[in-house]
């Protein structure tokens, strides 16, 4: 997922992620400039999926 794509749509995606998986907290989904990989890592760890699976899942929500 392109950094600008993630940054530009993150607030919308964050809501969809929370709807799909209610156990995510705001801290889990906190977006910080330049730390896209950390965000994807937190999601990956919580879901137990690979990075590619997480990226594909996020794209499917968008």
PDB file of N, CA and C in Angstrom:
ATOM      1  N   UNK A   1       0.855  -1.174   0.000  1.00  0.00           N
ATOM      2  CA  UNK A   1       0.000   0.000   0.000  1.00  0.00           C
ATOM      3  C   UNK A   1       0.893   1.226   0.000  1.00  0.00           C
ATOM      4  N   UNK A   2       0.640   2.102  -0.897  1.00  0.00           N
ATOM      5  CA  UNK A   2       1.391   3.338  -1.059  1.00  0.00           C
ATOM      6  C   UNK A   2       1.244   4.210   0.183  1.00  0.00           C
ATOM      7  N   UNK A   3       2.344   4.828   0.614  1.00  0.00           N
ATOM      8  CA  UNK A   3       2.329   5.653   1.831  1.00  0.00           C
ATOM      9  C   UNK A   3       1.294   6.770   1.747  1.00  0.00           C
ATOM     10  N   UNK A   4       1.212   7.441   0.604  1.00  0.00           N
ATOM     11  CA  UNK A   4       0.242   8.525   0.468  1.00  0.00           C
ATOM     12  C   UNK A   4      -1.181   7.987   0.505  1.00  0.00           C
ATOM     13  N   UNK A   5      -1.369   6.822  -0.076  1.00  0.00           N
ATOM     14  CA  UNK A   5      -2.694   6.194  -0.061  1.00  0.00           C
ATOM     15  C   UNK A   5      -3.104   5.868   1.368  1.00  0.00           C
ATOM     16  N   UNK A   6      -2.166   5.325   2.134  1.00  0.00           N
ATOM     17  CA  UNK A   6      -2.445   4.989   3.531  1.00  0.00           C
ATOM     18  C   UNK A   6      -2.736   6.243   4.330  1.00  0.00           C
ATOM     19  N   UNK A   7      -1.895   7.247   4.195  1.00  0.00           N
ATOM     20  CA  UNK A   7      -2.053   8.491   4.940  1.00  0.00           C
ATOM     21  C   UNK A   7      -3.365   9.181   4.580  1.00  0.00           C
ATOM     22  N   UNK A   8      -3.659   9.269   3.298  1.00  0.00           N
ATOM     23  CA  UNK A   8      -4.835   9.998   2.842  1.00  0.00           C
ATOM     24  C   UNK A   8      -6.159   9.390   3.233  1.00  0.00           C
ATOM     25  N   UNK A   9      -6.174   8.085   3.376  1.00  0.00           N
ATOM     26  CA  UNK A   9      -7.447   7.400   3.645  1.00  0.00           C
ATOM     27  C   UNK A   9      -7.474   6.726   5.004  1.00  0.00           C
ATOM     28  N   UNK A  10      -6.491   7.000   5.848  1.00  0.00           N
ATOM     29  CA  UNK A  10      -6.381   6.210   7.072  1.00  0.00           C
ATOM     30  C   UNK A  10      -7.565   6.372   8.007  1.00  0.00           C
ATOM     31  N   UNK A  11      -8.077   7.594   8.185  1.00  0.00           N
ATOM     32  CA  UNK A  11      -9.197   7.768   9.118  1.00  0.00           C
ATOM     33  C   UNK A  11     -10.413   6.947   8.685  1.00  0.00           C
ATOM     34  N   UNK A  12     -10.665   6.912   7.401  1.00  0.00           N
ATOM     35  CA  UNK A  12     -11.776   6.118   6.881  1.00  0.00           C
ATOM     36  C   UNK A  12     -11.501   4.626   7.073  1.00  0.00           C
ATOM     37  N   UNK A  13     -10.293   4.198   6.731  1.00  0.00           N
ATOM     38  CA  UNK A  13      -9.936   2.787   6.882  1.00  0.00           C
ATOM     39  C   UNK A  13      -9.954   2.353   8.340  1.00  0.00           C
ATOM     40  N   UNK A  14      -9.497   3.241   9.223  1.00  0.00           N
ATOM     41  CA  UNK A  14      -9.441   2.918  10.648  1.00  0.00           C
ATOM     42  C   UNK A  14     -10.828   2.542  11.162  1.00  0.00           C
ATOM     43  N   UNK A  15     -11.841   3.278  10.757  1.00  0.00           N
ATOM     44  CA  UNK A  15     -13.205   2.955  11.164  1.00  0.00           C
ATOM     45  C   UNK A  15     -13.652   1.598  10.654  1.00  0.00           C
ATOM     46  N   UNK A  16     -13.282   1.278   9.415  1.00  0.00           N
ATOM     47  CA  UNK A  16     -13.656  -0.014   8.840  1.00  0.00           C
ATOM     48  C   UNK A  16     -12.920  -1.154   9.532  1.00  0.00           C
ATOM     49  N   UNK A  17     -11.658  -0.915   9.897  1.00  0.00           N
ATOM     50  CA  UNK A  17     -10.887  -1.932  10.615  1.00  0.00           C
ATOM     51  C   UNK A  17     -11.543  -2.217  11.958  1.00  0.00           C
ATOM     52  N   UNK A  18     -11.939  -1.153  12.664  1.00  0.00           N
ATOM     53  CA  UNK A  18     -12.586  -1.328  13.972  1.00  0.00           C
ATOM     54  C   UNK A  18     -13.923  -2.057  13.835  1.00  0.00           C
ATOM     55  N   UNK A  19     -14.660  -1.788  12.753  1.00  0.00           N
ATOM     56  CA  UNK A  19     -15.923  -2.492  12.546  1.00  0.00           C
ATOM     57  C   UNK A  19     -15.691  -3.976  12.308  1.00  0.00           C
ATOM     58  N   UNK A  20     -14.650  -4.291  11.555  1.00  0.00           N
ATOM     59  CA  UNK A  20     -14.358  -5.682  11.221  1.00  0.00           C
ATOM     60  C   UNK A  20     -13.755  -6.445  12.402  1.00  0.00           C
ATOM     61  N   UNK A  21     -12.957  -5.755  13.209  1.00  0.00           N
ATOM     62  CA  UNK A  21     -12.278  -6.383  14.345  1.00  0.00           C
ATOM     63  C   UNK A  21     -12.380  -5.442  15.538  1.00  0.00           C
ATOM     64  N   UNK A  22     -13.388  -5.605  16.334  1.00  0.00           N
ATOM     65  CA  UNK A  22     -13.667  -4.721  17.450  1.00  0.00           C
ATOM     66  C   UNK A  22     -12.623  -4.711  18.549  1.00  0.00           C
ATOM     67  N   UNK A  23     -11.679  -5.642  18.508  1.00  0.00           N
ATOM     68  CA  UNK A  23     -10.673  -5.694  19.561  1.00  0.00           C
ATOM     69  C   UNK A  23      -9.488  -4.759  19.311  1.00  0.00           C
ATOM     70  N   UNK A  24      -9.472  -4.057  18.182  1.00  0.00           N
ATOM     71  CA  UNK A  24      -8.422  -3.076  17.928  1.00  0.00           C
ATOM     72  C   UNK A  24      -8.676  -1.825  18.765  1.00  0.00           C
ATOM     73  N   UNK A  25      -7.607  -1.285  19.331  1.00  0.00           N
ATOM     74  CA  UNK A  25      -7.709  -0.044  20.105  1.00  0.00           C
ATOM     75  C   UNK A  25      -7.188   1.117  19.257  1.00  0.00           C
ATOM     76  N   UNK A  26      -7.433   2.331  19.729  1.00  0.00           N
ATOM     77  CA  UNK A  26      -6.899   3.504  19.038  1.00  0.00           C
ATOM     78  C   UNK A  26      -5.376   3.455  18.986  1.00  0.00           C
ATOM     79  N   UNK A  27      -4.744   2.940  20.044  1.00  0.00           N
ATOM     80  CA  UNK A  27      -3.283   2.816  20.049  1.00  0.00           C
ATOM     81  C   UNK A  27      -2.807   1.827  18.988  1.00  0.00           C
ATOM     82  N   UNK A  28      -3.545   0.727  18.816  1.00  0.00           N
ATOM     83  CA  UNK A  28      -3.179  -0.248  17.784  1.00  0.00           C
ATOM     84  C   UNK A  28      -3.202   0.398  16.400  1.00  0.00           C
ATOM     85  N   UNK A  29      -4.127   1.308  16.189  1.00  0.00           N
ATOM     86  CA  UNK A  29      -4.370   1.876  14.870  1.00  0.00           C
ATOM     87  C   UNK A  29      -3.851   3.305  14.719  1.00  0.00           C
ATOM     88  N   UNK A  30      -2.992   3.718  15.616  1.00  0.00           N
ATOM     89  CA  UNK A  30      -2.436   5.072  15.564  1.00  0.00           C
ATOM     90  C   UNK A  30      -1.502   5.207  14.361  1.00  0.00           C
ATOM     91  N   UNK A  31      -1.774   6.214  13.518  1.00  0.00           N
ATOM     92  CA  UNK A  31      -0.929   6.483  12.356  1.00  0.00           C
ATOM     93  C   UNK A  31       0.016   7.622  12.697  1.00  0.00           C
ATOM     94  N   UNK A  32       1.311   7.382  12.493  1.00  0.00           N
ATOM     95  CA  UNK A  32       2.308   8.422  12.688  1.00  0.00           C
ATOM     96  C   UNK A  32       3.063   8.604  11.386  1.00  0.00           C
ATOM     97  N   UNK A  33       3.280   9.848  11.018  1.00  0.00           N
ATOM     98  CA  UNK A  33       3.997  10.176   9.788  1.00  0.00           C
ATOM     99  C   UNK A  33       5.319   9.420   9.711  1.00  0.00           C
ATOM    100  N   UNK A  34       5.545   8.714   8.606  1.00  0.00           N
ATOM    101  CA  UNK A  34       6.790   8.009   8.385  1.00  0.00           C
ATOM    102  C   UNK A  34       6.905   6.664   9.085  1.00  0.00           C
ATOM    103  N   UNK A  35       5.853   6.238   9.779  1.00  0.00           N
ATOM    104  CA  UNK A  35       5.920   4.979  10.522  1.00  0.00           C
ATOM    105  C   UNK A  35       4.865   3.987  10.033  1.00  0.00           C
ATOM    106  N   UNK A  36       4.682   3.963   8.732  1.00  0.00           N
ATOM    107  CA  UNK A  36       3.698   3.057   8.129  1.00  0.00           C
ATOM    108  C   UNK A  36       4.000   1.605   8.473  1.00  0.00           C
ATOM    109  N   UNK A  37       5.286   1.244   8.421  1.00  0.00           N
ATOM    110  CA  UNK A  37       5.667  -0.140   8.687  1.00  0.00           C
ATOM    111  C   UNK A  37       5.319  -0.556  10.110  1.00  0.00           C
ATOM    112  N   UNK A  38       5.460   0.356  11.062  1.00  0.00           N
ATOM    113  CA  UNK A  38       5.105   0.034  12.451  1.00  0.00           C
ATOM    114  C   UNK A  38       3.605  -0.201  12.575  1.00  0.00           C
ATOM    115  N   UNK A  39       2.820   0.625  11.926  1.00  0.00           N
ATOM    116  CA  UNK A  39       1.366   0.457  11.948  1.00  0.00           C
ATOM    117  C   UNK A  39       0.984  -0.892  11.353  1.00  0.00           C
ATOM    118  N   UNK A  40       1.532  -1.202  10.186  1.00  0.00           N
ATOM    119  CA  UNK A  40       1.230  -2.488   9.555  1.00  0.00           C
ATOM    120  C   UNK A  40       1.695  -3.641  10.436  1.00  0.00           C
ATOM    121  N   UNK A  41       2.812  -3.472  11.124  1.00  0.00           N
ATOM    122  CA  UNK A  41       3.307  -4.503  12.027  1.00  0.00           C
ATOM    123  C   UNK A  41       2.371  -4.744  13.191  1.00  0.00           C
ATOM    124  N   UNK A  42       1.815  -3.673  13.757  1.00  0.00           N
ATOM    125  CA  UNK A  42       0.861  -3.833  14.870  1.00  0.00           C
ATOM    126  C   UNK A  42      -0.385  -4.575  14.394  1.00  0.00           C
ATOM    127  N   UNK A  43      -0.882  -4.212  13.213  1.00  0.00           N
ATOM    128  CA  UNK A  43      -2.065  -4.888  12.671  1.00  0.00           C
ATOM    129  C   UNK A  43      -1.739  -6.349  12.375  1.00  0.00           C
ATOM    130  N   UNK A  44      -0.579  -6.560  11.779  1.00  0.00           N
ATOM    131  CA  UNK A  44      -0.141  -7.915  11.438  1.00  0.00           C
ATOM    132  C   UNK A  44      -0.069  -8.789  12.678  1.00  0.00           C
ATOM    133  N   UNK A  45       0.510  -8.276  13.735  1.00  0.00           N
ATOM    134  CA  UNK A  45       0.654  -9.041  14.981  1.00  0.00           C
ATOM    135  C   UNK A  45      -0.713  -9.365  15.576  1.00  0.00           C
ATOM    136  N   UNK A  46      -1.604  -8.385  15.583  1.00  0.00           N
ATOM    137  CA  UNK A  46      -2.924  -8.578  16.175  1.00  0.00           C
ATOM    138  C   UNK A  46      -3.743  -9.618  15.396  1.00  0.00           C
ATOM    139  N   UNK A  47      -3.604  -9.603  14.064  1.00  0.00           N
ATOM    140  CA  UNK A  47      -4.386 -10.521  13.235  1.00  0.00           C
ATOM    141  C   UNK A  47      -3.701 -11.864  13.012  1.00  0.00           C
ATOM    142  N   UNK A  48      -2.391 -11.917  13.242  1.00  0.00           N
ATOM    143  CA  UNK A  48      -1.655 -13.149  12.996  1.00  0.00           C
ATOM    144  C   UNK A  48      -1.531 -13.466  11.517  1.00  0.00           C
ATOM    145  N   UNK A  49      -1.409 -12.420  10.706  1.00  0.00           N
ATOM    146  CA  UNK A  49      -1.300 -12.591   9.254  1.00  0.00           C
ATOM    147  C   UNK A  49       0.025 -12.027   8.758  1.00  0.00           C
ATOM    148  N   UNK A  50       0.363 -12.359   7.521  1.00  0.00           N
ATOM    149  CA  UNK A  50       1.578 -11.820   6.926  1.00  0.00           C
ATOM    150  C   UNK A  50       1.346 -10.371   6.525  1.00  0.00           C
ATOM    151  N   UNK A  51       2.437  -9.665   6.281  1.00  0.00           N
ATOM    152  CA  UNK A  51       2.326  -8.266   5.851  1.00  0.00           C
ATOM    153  C   UNK A  51       1.499  -8.155   4.567  1.00  0.00           C
ATOM    154  N   UNK A  52       1.753  -9.051   3.626  1.00  0.00           N
ATOM    155  CA  UNK A  52       1.027  -9.020   2.354  1.00  0.00           C
ATOM    156  C   UNK A  52      -0.471  -9.244   2.565  1.00  0.00           C
ATOM    157  N   UNK A  53      -0.815 -10.159   3.467  1.00  0.00           N
ATOM    158  CA  UNK A  53      -2.228 -10.412   3.757  1.00  0.00           C
ATOM    159  C   UNK A  53      -2.888  -9.189   4.375  1.00  0.00           C
ATOM    160  N   UNK A  54      -2.154  -8.507   5.263  1.00  0.00           N
ATOM    161  CA  UNK A  54      -2.690  -7.295   5.894  1.00  0.00           C
ATOM    162  C   UNK A  54      -2.904  -6.207   4.852  1.00  0.00           C
ATOM    163  N   UNK A  55      -1.919  -6.000   3.990  1.00  0.00           N
ATOM    164  CA  UNK A  55      -2.034  -4.974   2.942  1.00  0.00           C
ATOM    165  C   UNK A  55      -3.207  -5.292   2.020  1.00  0.00           C
ATOM    166  N   UNK A  56      -3.329  -6.540   1.609  1.00  0.00           N
ATOM    167  CA  UNK A  56      -4.461  -6.935   0.743  1.00  0.00           C
ATOM    168  C   UNK A  56      -5.787  -6.704   1.449  1.00  0.00           C
ATOM    169  N   UNK A  57      -5.854  -7.041   2.732  1.00  0.00           N
ATOM    170  CA  UNK A  57      -7.087  -6.859   3.498  1.00  0.00           C
ATOM    171  C   UNK A  57      -7.442  -5.374   3.593  1.00  0.00           C
ATOM    172  N   UNK A  58      -6.447  -4.520   3.887  1.00  0.00           N
ATOM    173  CA  UNK A  58      -6.698  -3.082   3.973  1.00  0.00           C
ATOM    174  C   UNK A  58      -7.164  -2.536   2.615  1.00  0.00           C
ATOM    175  N   UNK A  59      -6.545  -2.997   1.546  1.00  0.00           N
ATOM    176  CA  UNK A  59      -6.972  -2.557   0.215  1.00  0.00           C
ATOM    177  C   UNK A  59      -8.417  -2.969  -0.065  1.00  0.00           C
ATOM    178  N   UNK A  60      -8.811  -4.143   0.401  1.00  0.00           N
ATOM    179  CA  UNK A  60     -10.169  -4.613   0.163  1.00  0.00           C
ATOM    180  C   UNK A  60     -11.202  -3.784   0.944  1.00  0.00           C
ATOM    181  N   UNK A  61     -10.757  -3.191   2.052  1.00  0.00           N
ATOM    182  CA  UNK A  61     -11.662  -2.335   2.832  1.00  0.00           C
ATOM    183  C   UNK A  61     -11.853  -0.972   2.195  1.00  0.00           C
ATOM    184  N   UNK A  62     -10.827  -0.524   1.481  1.00  0.00           N
ATOM    185  CA  UNK A  62     -10.832   0.817   0.872  1.00  0.00           C
ATOM    186  C   UNK A  62     -11.707   0.854  -0.305  1.00  0.00           C
TER     187      UNK A  62
END
